[in-house]
Amino acid sequence: MEAVVHQIDIDPDERDPDVLRAALTREHIERRRAECLARMQADVVQLALDLLVREPDIEGFFGELTRTMVDEGESFCCGVWLLDEEGQQCQPWMAFVGDRLYKRQCPDGIFPRDVVATHLFSNQPGWTQTMEYQGDDPQLPEAIRAFNAHEKIDTLIVAPLVLGASTLGWLTLSSRRNADECEGTRWWRVVLLEAIARQAALALHHSRLVDSSRQEERRKAILEERNRLARDIHDNLAQGFAAILMQLQAAQREACLMQPAVAAKLETAIHLARTHLTEARRSVGTLRPTVSGDEDVAKALKRIADLAQRTTGVPIEVNLDELPRFGDGVEREIIGIAQEALTNAVKHSRARRITIRASSVRSLGFRLSVHDDGRGMTGERPTTGFGMTSMHERAERIGASLTIVTAPRSGTEVVLAWEPSLLPTQVHVAG
């Protein structure tokens, strides 16, 4: 029987020892690269954990992180750029340049931070993916290219700080050309920066959660203390003054034949007791201006107006539109500002009428006006004092605009406008 032999065609190139050697070399390089990537990922996680232990403060953590990136990445500069909470603006946070860490005060002469921030914010692809630029890349603004040329920067790598679907900011790494590097061996910097960016985004997010939790706990503690003080004033001082007033008035009714001097002193004591009882009740209202769970802004404004009306003979008019709910945090500050403005008007304005107006703005925002026709604010610094400072701080906490319009003998109007990105407190003194 005749044997049948099947011949397999083999590409002559595959029998070439040089081709086989090149293929084996590529395979070996890819294997080493994969091993390097795995080690790098593990090292970055360990580095982040070590830094968090040594630098639990988030600024210290990022400061040490940027320094490490410059050292380990054999680079010249590493910067951190953060988006604000609304994602409307990119702000430079810090940069390790050469051998020094610069924070928010870093001058543009050292590093074109504002130009970089504008470029990062406007470059939409860079919000979700790593970008690698040559030093003279035409995509970069002229100021950045000039800086790169001056410092002999060969590459600029930008990695977004991404967590889930949210971009928190960016890490940038600027490197000079290394004589020992070739074009195909610089990939490790990109991988290193991306790995660092992932850990940095987690650390930043965790820090913000902790800060938010602390602020909430502090707010609750302040509210509890205010409520405790309000209860103490109501249960002790106010009730005590009320009892003293009742006894004095009873003595006044029964002592018909007392000496005029004694009667005058008794009348003075009654007046003082009534005045301090009024102040105690007003203090209780000031300490507890918050909105309860089932009380909206309109009801809260009516409540504080009713409380104030009990302590003054000046008519208080309340004009309210139908108002949406704004959330507990915003409503709490709105009512606090209204309470302070109303208290100031009752106590200091010598007004004949006080008017509170509140309306919605474009169905989302809010406008509050507390106006009196009293003597107005006088003096060169009408915004000083605890009450003014308190209103200013409350407006800042919710990103609102607080405007105080006043003139001698022409009254005062406090206007609160709550919408995103409004101006800070302003005071206009007419005449």
Protein backbone atom coordinates (compact mmCIF):
# COMPACT_ATOMS: atom_id res chain seq x y z
CA MET A 1 0.00 0.00 0.00
CA GLU A 2 1.27 3.34 -0.94
CA ALA A 3 1.58 5.88 1.94
CA VAL A 4 -0.11 9.24 1.60
CA VAL A 5 1.92 12.17 2.88
CA HIS A 6 0.19 15.52 3.54
CA GLN A 7 2.56 18.42 3.24
CA ILE A 8 1.83 21.51 5.35
CA ASP A 9 2.77 24.78 3.78
CA ILE A 10 4.84 26.91 6.14
CA ASP A 11 5.52 30.55 5.45
CA PRO A 12 9.24 30.85 4.66
CA ASP A 13 9.38 33.90 6.96
CA GLU A 14 8.24 31.76 9.91
CA ARG A 15 11.21 29.42 9.33
CA ASP A 16 13.55 32.39 9.44
CA PRO A 17 15.43 32.39 12.77
CA ASP A 18 15.47 36.18 12.88
CA VAL A 19 11.68 36.36 12.57
CA LEU A 20 11.22 33.75 15.28
CA ARG A 21 13.70 35.53 17.51
CA ALA A 22 11.85 38.84 17.02
CA ALA A 23 8.51 37.21 17.82
CA LEU A 24 9.91 35.65 20.98
CA THR A 25 11.40 38.99 21.96
CA ARG A 26 8.05 40.77 21.50
CA GLU A 27 6.31 38.09 23.55
CA HIS A 28 8.93 38.42 26.27
CA ILE A 29 8.55 42.22 26.30
CA GLU A 30 4.76 41.96 26.54
CA ARG A 31 5.03 39.48 29.40
CA ARG A 32 7.45 41.73 31.26
CA ARG A 33 5.19 44.69 30.60
CA ALA A 34 2.18 42.85 32.04
CA GLU A 35 4.20 41.87 35.10
CA CYS A 36 5.37 45.46 35.46
CA LEU A 37 1.78 46.72 35.26
CA ALA A 38 0.64 44.29 37.93
CA ARG A 39 3.48 45.29 40.26
CA MET A 40 2.85 48.96 39.58
CA GLN A 41 -0.85 48.67 40.45
CA ALA A 42 -0.05 46.90 43.71
CA ASP A 43 2.68 49.42 44.56
CA VAL A 44 0.37 52.36 43.91
CA VAL A 45 -2.33 50.96 46.20
CA GLN A 46 0.27 50.40 48.92
CA LEU A 47 1.68 53.89 48.36
CA ALA A 48 -1.79 55.45 48.73
CA LEU A 49 -2.44 53.53 51.94
CA ASP A 50 0.94 54.51 53.39
CA LEU A 51 0.36 58.17 52.52
CA LEU A 52 -3.09 58.16 54.10
CA VAL A 53 -1.61 56.77 57.30
CA ARG A 54 1.19 59.36 57.35
CA GLU A 55 -0.89 62.25 56.01
CA PRO A 56 -4.54 61.82 57.08
CA ASP A 57 -5.19 65.46 56.18
CA ILE A 58 -6.26 65.55 52.54
CA GLU A 59 -4.03 68.52 51.65
CA GLY A 60 -1.03 66.79 53.21
CA PHE A 61 -1.93 63.60 51.35
CA PHE A 62 -2.05 65.30 47.95
CA GLY A 63 1.05 67.36 48.69
CA GLU A 64 3.02 64.20 49.40
CA LEU A 65 1.40 62.46 46.43
CA THR A 66 2.52 65.17 43.98
CA ARG A 67 6.05 65.10 45.39
CA THR A 68 6.16 61.31 45.03
CA MET A 69 4.89 61.54 41.46
CA VAL A 70 7.67 63.98 40.55
CA ASP A 71 10.30 61.74 42.15
CA GLU A 72 9.05 58.35 41.02
CA GLY A 73 7.88 59.60 37.65
CA GLU A 74 11.26 61.25 36.98
CA SER A 75 9.33 64.40 36.12
CA PHE A 76 9.50 68.15 36.62
CA CYS A 77 5.99 69.07 37.75
CA CYS A 78 2.83 67.40 39.07
CA GLY A 79 -0.34 69.47 39.56
CA VAL A 80 -3.81 68.93 41.03
CA TRP A 81 -6.87 70.73 39.66
CA LEU A 82 -10.32 70.40 41.21
CA LEU A 83 -13.83 71.09 39.99
CA ASP A 84 -16.21 72.96 42.28
CA GLU A 85 -19.24 71.14 43.67
CA GLU A 86 -21.52 72.30 40.84
CA GLY A 87 -18.97 71.37 38.19
CA GLN A 88 -19.04 74.95 36.87
CA GLN A 89 -15.41 75.91 37.37
CA CYS A 90 -11.95 74.33 37.56
CA GLN A 91 -9.63 75.67 40.24
CA PRO A 92 -5.88 75.01 40.66
CA TRP A 93 -5.33 73.39 44.04
CA MET A 94 -1.63 72.61 44.29
CA ALA A 95 1.44 71.81 42.20
CA PHE A 96 4.84 70.35 43.02
CA VAL A 97 7.22 72.18 40.71
CA GLY A 98 10.90 71.28 40.68
CA ASP A 99 11.58 70.72 44.35
CA ARG A 100 8.85 72.85 45.94
CA LEU A 101 5.16 72.46 46.69
CA TYR A 102 2.97 75.41 45.72
CA LYS A 103 -0.62 75.64 46.91
CA ARG A 104 -3.37 78.04 45.90
CA GLN A 105 -1.06 81.03 46.05
CA CYS A 106 1.25 79.64 43.33
CA PRO A 107 2.02 82.62 41.01
CA ASP A 108 1.49 82.25 37.27
CA GLY A 109 5.16 83.12 36.75
CA ILE A 110 6.09 79.78 38.33
CA PHE A 111 3.46 77.75 36.54
CA PRO A 112 0.59 78.87 34.24
CA ARG A 113 -2.01 77.46 36.61
CA ASP A 114 -5.04 79.50 35.51
CA VAL A 115 -4.38 78.80 31.84
CA VAL A 116 -4.07 75.08 32.55
CA ALA A 117 -7.30 75.16 34.57
CA THR A 118 -9.19 76.81 31.70
CA HIS A 119 -7.81 74.29 29.21
CA LEU A 120 -8.72 71.30 31.39
CA PHE A 121 -12.25 72.56 31.92
CA SER A 122 -12.90 73.26 28.24
CA ASN A 123 -11.38 70.03 26.88
CA GLN A 124 -14.35 67.68 27.05
CA PRO A 125 -12.56 64.43 26.05
CA GLY A 126 -10.15 64.96 28.95
CA TRP A 127 -13.01 64.74 31.46
CA THR A 128 -13.16 60.96 31.07
CA GLN A 129 -9.91 59.80 29.45
CA THR A 130 -6.19 60.35 29.85
CA MET A 131 -4.63 62.85 27.45
CA GLU A 132 -0.96 62.85 26.46
CA TYR A 133 0.53 65.95 24.84
CA GLN A 134 3.89 66.75 23.36
CA GLY A 135 5.48 69.84 24.86
CA ASP A 136 4.76 71.95 21.77
CA ASP A 137 1.39 70.33 20.98
CA PRO A 138 -0.75 72.86 19.05
CA GLN A 139 -3.79 71.76 21.10
CA LEU A 140 -2.22 73.41 24.13
CA PRO A 141 -2.64 77.16 24.78
CA GLU A 142 0.33 79.37 23.94
CA ALA A 143 1.14 80.08 27.60
CA ILE A 144 1.51 76.37 28.33
CA ARG A 145 3.66 75.78 25.24
CA ALA A 146 5.87 78.72 26.25
CA PHE A 147 6.25 77.29 29.76
CA ASN A 148 7.09 73.87 28.32
CA ALA A 149 9.70 75.38 26.00
CA HIS A 150 11.27 77.39 28.84
CA GLU A 151 11.46 74.37 31.15
CA LYS A 152 12.30 71.92 28.34
CA ILE A 153 9.11 69.93 28.99
CA ASP A 154 8.80 67.11 26.47
CA THR A 155 5.47 65.54 27.51
CA LEU A 156 2.40 66.58 29.48
CA ILE A 157 0.07 63.83 30.72
CA VAL A 158 -3.39 64.66 32.06
CA ALA A 159 -5.42 62.05 33.97
CA PRO A 160 -8.95 62.81 35.21
CA LEU A 161 -9.94 62.09 38.81
CA VAL A 162 -12.99 60.00 37.99
CA LEU A 163 -15.28 58.29 40.47
CA GLY A 164 -18.21 56.49 38.94
CA ALA A 165 -19.82 58.90 36.52
CA SER A 166 -18.38 61.99 38.25
CA THR A 167 -15.18 63.86 37.43
CA LEU A 168 -13.69 65.48 40.53
CA GLY A 169 -10.68 67.11 38.86
CA TRP A 170 -7.38 66.27 37.19
CA LEU A 171 -3.78 65.26 37.83
CA THR A 172 -1.13 66.58 35.45
CA LEU A 173 2.44 65.37 35.06
CA SER A 174 5.03 67.35 33.08
CA SER A 175 8.26 65.54 32.17
CA ARG A 176 11.49 66.44 30.48
CA ARG A 177 13.11 64.19 27.90
CA ASN A 178 15.38 61.55 29.37
CA ALA A 179 18.38 60.69 27.20
CA ASP A 180 18.00 57.01 28.11
CA GLU A 181 14.34 56.86 27.05
CA CYS A 182 12.99 56.12 23.64
CA GLU A 183 9.49 56.71 22.29
CA GLY A 184 8.27 53.22 23.14
CA THR A 185 9.43 53.12 26.75
CA ARG A 186 7.54 56.12 28.15
CA TRP A 187 4.18 54.32 28.47
CA TRP A 188 4.82 53.57 32.14
CA ARG A 189 4.29 57.22 33.13
CA VAL A 190 0.78 57.16 31.67
CA VAL A 191 -0.03 53.94 33.51
CA LEU A 192 1.49 55.26 36.73
CA LEU A 193 -0.47 58.54 36.58
CA GLU A 194 -3.75 56.72 35.82
CA ALA A 195 -3.23 54.36 38.75
CA ILE A 196 -2.40 57.25 41.06
CA ALA A 197 -5.43 59.20 39.81
CA ARG A 198 -7.76 56.31 40.72
CA GLN A 199 -6.45 56.16 44.27
CA ALA A 200 -6.43 59.97 44.57
CA ALA A 201 -10.09 60.18 43.47
CA LEU A 202 -11.08 57.66 46.15
CA ALA A 203 -9.12 59.55 48.82
CA LEU A 204 -10.65 62.88 47.78
CA HIS A 205 -14.18 61.47 47.75
CA HIS A 206 -13.70 59.87 51.16
CA SER A 207 -12.33 63.12 52.59
CA ARG A 208 -15.33 65.06 51.32
CA LEU A 209 -17.72 62.53 52.80
CA VAL A 210 -15.95 62.79 56.17
CA ASP A 211 -16.02 66.61 56.03
CA SER A 212 -19.70 66.58 55.14
CA SER A 213 -20.42 64.22 58.03
CA ARG A 214 -18.45 66.42 60.43
CA GLN A 215 -20.26 69.55 59.31
CA GLU A 216 -23.61 67.83 59.76
CA GLU A 217 -22.65 66.65 63.24
CA ARG A 218 -21.44 70.15 64.11
CA ARG A 219 -24.68 71.63 62.81
CA LYS A 220 -26.71 69.21 64.90
CA ALA A 221 -24.64 69.99 67.98
CA ILE A 222 -25.15 73.73 67.45
CA LEU A 223 -28.89 73.27 67.00
CA GLU A 224 -29.11 71.14 70.13
CA GLU A 225 -27.21 73.77 72.12
CA ARG A 226 -29.39 76.57 70.77
CA ASN A 227 -32.51 74.61 71.67
CA ARG A 228 -31.13 73.95 75.16
CA LEU A 229 -30.43 77.65 75.67
CA ALA A 230 -33.88 78.53 74.35
CA ARG A 231 -35.49 76.08 76.79
CA ASP A 232 -33.45 77.45 79.69
CA ILE A 233 -34.36 81.04 78.86
CA HIS A 234 -38.04 80.15 78.42
CA ASP A 235 -38.35 77.92 81.47
CA ASN A 236 -36.21 80.00 83.83
CA LEU A 237 -35.69 83.62 82.82
CA ALA A 238 -38.94 84.24 80.95
CA GLN A 239 -41.09 82.43 83.49
CA GLY A 240 -39.23 84.16 86.32
CA PHE A 241 -39.79 87.61 84.84
CA ALA A 242 -43.46 86.76 84.24
CA ALA A 243 -43.88 85.74 87.89
CA ILE A 244 -42.09 88.87 89.12
CA LEU A 245 -44.27 91.03 86.87
CA MET A 246 -47.45 89.41 88.21
CA GLN A 247 -46.38 90.01 91.82
CA LEU A 248 -45.45 93.63 91.16
CA GLN A 249 -48.72 94.33 89.37
CA ALA A 250 -50.65 92.74 92.25
CA ALA A 251 -48.77 94.91 94.74
CA GLN A 252 -49.51 97.97 92.62
CA ARG A 253 -53.25 97.21 92.60
CA GLU A 254 -53.43 96.65 96.36
CA ALA A 255 -51.23 99.55 97.52
CA CYS A 256 -53.59 102.43 96.86
CA LEU A 257 -52.21 104.77 99.52
CA MET A 258 -48.47 104.31 98.95
CA GLN A 259 -46.17 107.32 98.84
CA PRO A 260 -45.60 108.83 95.36
CA ALA A 261 -41.89 108.01 95.50
CA VAL A 262 -42.62 104.38 96.32
CA ALA A 263 -45.29 104.21 93.60
CA ALA A 264 -42.79 105.59 91.07
CA LYS A 265 -40.20 102.99 92.01
CA LEU A 266 -42.82 100.24 91.77
CA GLU A 267 -43.82 101.48 88.32
CA THR A 268 -40.16 101.45 87.28
CA ALA A 269 -39.78 97.87 88.54
CA ILE A 270 -42.88 96.81 86.58
CA HIS A 271 -41.51 98.46 83.45
CA LEU A 272 -38.14 96.73 83.83
CA ALA A 273 -39.74 93.33 84.44
CA ARG A 274 -42.00 93.74 81.38
CA THR A 275 -39.08 94.87 79.21
CA HIS A 276 -36.85 91.98 80.20
CA LEU A 277 -39.68 89.48 79.77
CA THR A 278 -40.10 90.78 76.23
CA GLU A 279 -36.36 90.46 75.57
CA ALA A 280 -36.33 86.93 76.98
CA ARG A 281 -39.16 85.87 74.68
CA ARG A 282 -37.45 87.51 71.73
CA SER A 283 -34.24 85.63 72.55
CA VAL A 284 -36.15 82.36 72.55
CA GLY A 285 -37.51 83.15 69.09
CA THR A 286 -34.05 84.10 67.83
CA LEU A 287 -32.45 80.92 69.14
CA ARG A 288 -35.10 78.69 67.57
CA PRO A 289 -35.71 80.05 64.05
CA THR A 290 -35.45 76.67 62.33
CA VAL A 291 -38.07 75.10 60.10
CA SER A 292 -39.64 71.94 61.46
CA GLY A 293 -40.28 68.90 59.31
CA ASP A 294 -43.93 69.77 58.54
CA GLU A 295 -43.40 73.54 58.34
CA ASP A 296 -42.49 75.21 55.05
CA VAL A 297 -40.82 78.61 54.64
CA ALA A 298 -44.11 80.51 54.39
CA LYS A 299 -45.42 79.04 57.65
CA ALA A 300 -42.10 79.67 59.38
CA LEU A 301 -42.06 83.32 58.26
CA LYS A 302 -45.61 83.81 59.54
CA ARG A 303 -44.63 82.16 62.82
CA ILE A 304 -41.63 84.39 63.49
CA ALA A 305 -43.67 87.46 62.46
CA ASP A 306 -46.40 86.50 64.95
CA LEU A 307 -43.82 85.98 67.69
CA ALA A 308 -42.22 89.35 66.96
CA GLN A 309 -45.62 91.07 66.91
CA ARG A 310 -46.18 89.99 70.53
CA THR A 311 -43.12 91.96 71.59
CA THR A 312 -43.78 95.22 69.75
CA GLY A 313 -46.58 97.63 68.95
CA VAL A 314 -45.18 98.29 65.46
CA PRO A 315 -47.41 96.68 62.78
CA ILE A 316 -45.66 93.81 60.98
CA GLU A 317 -47.11 93.10 57.53
CA VAL A 318 -46.41 89.76 55.84
CA ASN A 319 -46.85 89.33 52.06
CA LEU A 320 -46.02 85.83 50.80
CA ASP A 321 -46.33 84.20 47.40
CA GLU A 322 -46.77 80.46 47.05
CA LEU A 323 -43.28 79.08 47.74
CA PRO A 324 -41.70 75.73 46.85
CA ARG A 325 -39.64 73.69 49.31
CA PHE A 326 -35.90 74.33 49.12
CA GLY A 327 -34.49 71.63 51.37
CA ASP A 328 -33.87 71.69 55.11
CA GLY A 329 -30.39 73.24 54.87
CA VAL A 330 -31.43 76.17 52.67
CA GLU A 331 -34.70 76.77 54.52
CA ARG A 332 -32.91 76.81 57.87
CA GLU A 333 -30.57 79.60 56.75
CA ILE A 334 -33.40 81.57 55.09
CA ILE A 335 -35.44 81.60 58.29
CA GLY A 336 -32.35 82.44 60.35
CA ILE A 337 -31.68 85.50 58.16
CA ALA A 338 -35.34 86.55 58.28
CA GLN A 339 -35.35 86.20 62.08
CA GLU A 340 -32.20 88.31 62.46
CA ALA A 341 -33.41 91.02 60.07
CA LEU A 342 -36.79 91.19 61.79
CA THR A 343 -35.22 91.33 65.25
CA ASN A 344 -32.96 94.21 64.18
CA ALA A 345 -35.92 96.08 62.73
CA VAL A 346 -38.00 95.64 65.89
CA LYS A 347 -35.21 96.52 68.32
CA HIS A 348 -33.27 99.26 66.55
CA SER A 349 -35.14 100.84 63.65
CA ARG A 350 -37.77 102.92 65.53
CA ALA A 351 -40.02 102.12 62.59
CA ARG A 352 -43.72 102.85 62.17
CA ARG A 353 -44.20 99.75 59.98
CA ILE A 354 -42.24 96.61 59.11
CA THR A 355 -42.95 94.59 55.97
CA ILE A 356 -41.85 91.05 55.12
CA ARG A 357 -42.16 89.93 51.51
CA ALA A 358 -41.17 86.55 50.03
CA SER A 359 -41.54 85.26 46.49
CA SER A 360 -40.17 82.56 44.23
CA VAL A 361 -37.77 83.37 41.39
CA ARG A 362 -38.30 81.49 38.13
CA SER A 363 -40.07 78.77 40.14
CA LEU A 364 -36.73 77.60 41.58
CA GLY A 365 -35.07 80.44 43.47
CA PHE A 366 -36.22 82.62 46.33
CA ARG A 367 -36.35 86.33 47.20
CA LEU A 368 -36.91 87.65 50.71
CA SER A 369 -37.29 91.31 51.75
CA VAL A 370 -37.51 92.63 55.31
CA HIS A 371 -38.18 96.39 55.11
CA ASP A 372 -38.76 99.01 57.77
CA ASP A 373 -39.47 102.75 57.50
CA GLY A 374 -37.35 103.64 60.51
CA ARG A 375 -34.27 105.74 61.10
CA GLY A 376 -31.93 103.64 58.90
CA MET A 377 -28.35 102.73 59.65
CA THR A 378 -25.91 105.46 60.52
CA GLY A 379 -22.16 105.56 60.87
CA GLU A 380 -19.31 104.68 58.56
CA ARG A 381 -19.52 100.90 59.14
CA PRO A 382 -23.16 99.83 59.05
CA THR A 383 -22.30 96.17 58.46
CA THR A 384 -20.51 95.54 61.74
CA GLY A 385 -22.04 93.65 64.62
CA PHE A 386 -22.86 90.07 65.39
CA GLY A 387 -26.26 90.15 63.70
CA MET A 388 -24.87 91.41 60.38
CA THR A 389 -22.04 88.90 60.51
CA SER A 390 -24.49 86.09 61.22
CA MET A 391 -26.68 87.01 58.24
CA HIS A 392 -23.63 87.27 55.99
CA GLU A 393 -22.35 83.83 57.05
CA ARG A 394 -25.77 82.22 56.59
CA ALA A 395 -26.05 83.67 53.07
CA GLU A 396 -22.58 82.42 52.18
CA ARG A 397 -23.39 78.90 53.39
CA ILE A 398 -26.17 78.53 50.84
CA GLY A 399 -24.54 80.56 48.05
CA ALA A 400 -27.07 83.39 48.29
CA SER A 401 -26.83 87.13 47.70
CA LEU A 402 -27.50 89.38 50.69
CA THR A 403 -28.06 93.07 49.96
CA ILE A 404 -28.70 95.70 52.63
CA VAL A 405 -30.04 99.03 51.39
CA THR A 406 -30.18 101.78 54.01
CA ALA A 407 -30.13 105.53 54.43
CA PRO A 408 -30.43 107.82 57.49
CA ARG A 409 -34.10 108.53 58.30
CA SER A 410 -35.18 106.51 55.25
CA GLY A 411 -35.38 103.00 56.67
CA THR A 412 -33.55 99.77 55.93
CA GLU A 413 -34.29 96.87 53.61
CA VAL A 414 -32.58 93.49 53.86
CA VAL A 415 -32.89 91.52 50.60
CA LEU A 416 -31.93 87.86 50.32
CA ALA A 417 -31.83 86.28 46.85
CA TRP A 418 -31.11 82.57 46.62
CA GLU A 419 -29.99 81.36 43.22
CA PRO A 420 -26.75 79.64 42.10
CA SER A 421 -23.63 81.79 41.63
CA LEU A 422 -24.94 85.02 43.07
CA LEU A 423 -22.87 87.87 44.46
CA PRO A 424 -21.72 88.08 48.09
CA THR A 425 -23.08 90.52 50.67
CA GLN A 426 -23.36 94.12 49.51
CA VAL A 427 -24.33 97.22 51.50
CA HIS A 428 -25.48 100.45 49.84
CA VAL A 429 -25.68 103.53 52.08
CA ALA A 430 -27.56 106.33 50.34
CA GLY A 431 -26.79 109.97 50.92
